[in-house]
Amino acid sequence: MNAGNSDTYRVEGMTCGHCESAVRGAVAKVSGVEAVEIDLTSKRVLVRGAFEDAAVRAAIDRAGYEAAA
């Protein structure tokens, strides 16, 4: 579990505002997530809070995208 810090994920396939919105909405619903920041240009998602890495990755997957290792 991430203990109140932040993790960054590279999310392949995000190309537009709709993509950004879908990923942000899915990740924001994960238990313990306090904030989600997305840089569409670099395809990076910064997640802050106390959350399970696997839960964030699963949320990104459910939104139709893939979090790169």
C-alpha atoms as a PDB file:
ATOM      1  CA  MET A   1       0.000   0.000   0.000  1.00  0.00           C
ATOM      2  CA  ASN A   2       1.151   3.494  -0.749  1.00  0.00           C
ATOM      3  CA  ALA A   3       1.225   5.160   2.663  1.00  0.00           C
ATOM      4  CA  GLY A   4       0.132   8.678   1.883  1.00  0.00           C
ATOM      5  CA  ASN A   5       2.695   9.505  -0.761  1.00  0.00           C
ATOM      6  CA  SER A   6       2.424   9.594  -4.517  1.00  0.00           C
ATOM      7  CA  ASP A   7       3.100   7.320  -7.460  1.00  0.00           C
ATOM      8  CA  THR A   8       3.370   8.111 -11.142  1.00  0.00           C
ATOM      9  CA  TYR A   9       2.027   5.833 -13.872  1.00  0.00           C
ATOM     10  CA  ARG A  10       2.693   6.030 -17.600  1.00  0.00           C
ATOM     11  CA  VAL A  11      -0.614   5.326 -19.299  1.00  0.00           C
ATOM     12  CA  GLU A  12      -0.431   4.211 -22.903  1.00  0.00           C
ATOM     13  CA  GLY A  13      -3.207   5.233 -25.266  1.00  0.00           C
ATOM     14  CA  MET A  14      -4.270   8.549 -23.701  1.00  0.00           C
ATOM     15  CA  THR A  15      -4.536  10.970 -26.618  1.00  0.00           C
ATOM     16  CA  CYS A  16      -7.305  13.459 -25.836  1.00  0.00           C
ATOM     17  CA  GLY A  17      -9.373  15.175 -23.187  1.00  0.00           C
ATOM     18  CA  HIS A  18     -11.911  12.345 -23.173  1.00  0.00           C
ATOM     19  CA  CYS A  19      -9.131   9.840 -22.438  1.00  0.00           C
ATOM     20  CA  GLU A  20      -7.866  12.059 -19.640  1.00  0.00           C
ATOM     21  CA  SER A  21     -11.343  12.364 -18.153  1.00  0.00           C
ATOM     22  CA  ALA A  22     -11.952   8.605 -18.279  1.00  0.00           C
ATOM     23  CA  VAL A  23      -8.674   7.797 -16.519  1.00  0.00           C
ATOM     24  CA  ARG A  24      -9.090  10.573 -13.955  1.00  0.00           C
ATOM     25  CA  GLY A  25     -12.622   9.444 -13.098  1.00  0.00           C
ATOM     26  CA  ALA A  26     -11.647   5.795 -12.744  1.00  0.00           C
ATOM     27  CA  VAL A  27      -8.572   6.440 -10.602  1.00  0.00           C
ATOM     28  CA  ALA A  28     -10.354   9.006  -8.403  1.00  0.00           C
ATOM     29  CA  LYS A  29     -12.814   6.268  -7.324  1.00  0.00           C
ATOM     30  CA  VAL A  30     -10.041   4.055  -5.910  1.00  0.00           C
ATOM     31  CA  SER A  31     -10.113   3.858  -2.136  1.00  0.00           C
ATOM     32  CA  GLY A  32      -7.465   6.069  -0.565  1.00  0.00           C
ATOM     33  CA  VAL A  33      -6.808   8.227  -3.633  1.00  0.00           C
ATOM     34  CA  GLU A  34      -6.769  11.884  -2.616  1.00  0.00           C
ATOM     35  CA  ALA A  35      -5.721  13.556  -5.882  1.00  0.00           C
ATOM     36  CA  VAL A  36      -5.105  12.685  -9.527  1.00  0.00           C
ATOM     37  CA  GLU A  37      -3.005  14.861 -11.836  1.00  0.00           C
ATOM     38  CA  ILE A  38      -2.641  14.016 -15.508  1.00  0.00           C
ATOM     39  CA  ASP A  39      -0.113  15.287 -18.038  1.00  0.00           C
ATOM     40  CA  LEU A  40      -1.581  14.277 -21.367  1.00  0.00           C
ATOM     41  CA  THR A  41       1.558  15.237 -23.300  1.00  0.00           C
ATOM     42  CA  SER A  42       3.801  12.839 -21.383  1.00  0.00           C
ATOM     43  CA  LYS A  43       0.957  10.367 -20.744  1.00  0.00           C
ATOM     44  CA  ARG A  44       1.756  10.397 -17.032  1.00  0.00           C
ATOM     45  CA  VAL A  45      -0.723  10.102 -14.199  1.00  0.00           C
ATOM     46  CA  LEU A  46       0.333  11.266 -10.742  1.00  0.00           C
ATOM     47  CA  VAL A  47      -1.724   9.755  -7.927  1.00  0.00           C
ATOM     48  CA  ARG A  48      -1.565  11.020  -4.341  1.00  0.00           C
ATOM     49  CA  GLY A  49      -2.952   9.372  -1.228  1.00  0.00           C
ATOM     50  CA  ALA A  50      -2.878   6.065   0.637  1.00  0.00           C
ATOM     51  CA  PHE A  51      -3.917   3.520  -1.996  1.00  0.00           C
ATOM     52  CA  GLU A  52      -3.101   0.064  -3.317  1.00  0.00           C
ATOM     53  CA  ASP A  53      -0.958   0.117  -6.468  1.00  0.00           C
ATOM     54  CA  ALA A  54      -2.859  -2.874  -7.867  1.00  0.00           C
ATOM     55  CA  ALA A  55      -6.179  -1.059  -7.383  1.00  0.00           C
ATOM     56  CA  VAL A  56      -4.969   1.979  -9.333  1.00  0.00           C
ATOM     57  CA  ARG A  57      -3.639  -0.237 -12.125  1.00  0.00           C
ATOM     58  CA  ALA A  58      -6.945  -2.145 -12.230  1.00  0.00           C
ATOM     59  CA  ALA A  59      -8.908   1.122 -12.435  1.00  0.00           C
ATOM     60  CA  ILE A  60      -6.778   2.298 -15.356  1.00  0.00           C
ATOM     61  CA  ASP A  61      -7.357  -1.059 -17.047  1.00  0.00           C
ATOM     62  CA  ARG A  62     -11.137  -0.860 -16.497  1.00  0.00           C
ATOM     63  CA  ALA A  63     -11.102   2.594 -18.098  1.00  0.00           C
ATOM     64  CA  GLY A  64      -9.686   0.935 -21.220  1.00  0.00           C
ATOM     65  CA  TYR A  65      -6.027   1.906 -20.892  1.00  0.00           C
ATOM     66  CA  GLU A  66      -2.823   0.265 -19.741  1.00  0.00           C
ATOM     67  CA  ALA A  67      -0.449   1.434 -17.034  1.00  0.00           C
ATOM     68  CA  ALA A  68       3.071   0.696 -18.256  1.00  0.00           C
ATOM     69  CA  ALA A  69       5.537  -0.833 -15.843  1.00  0.00           C
END
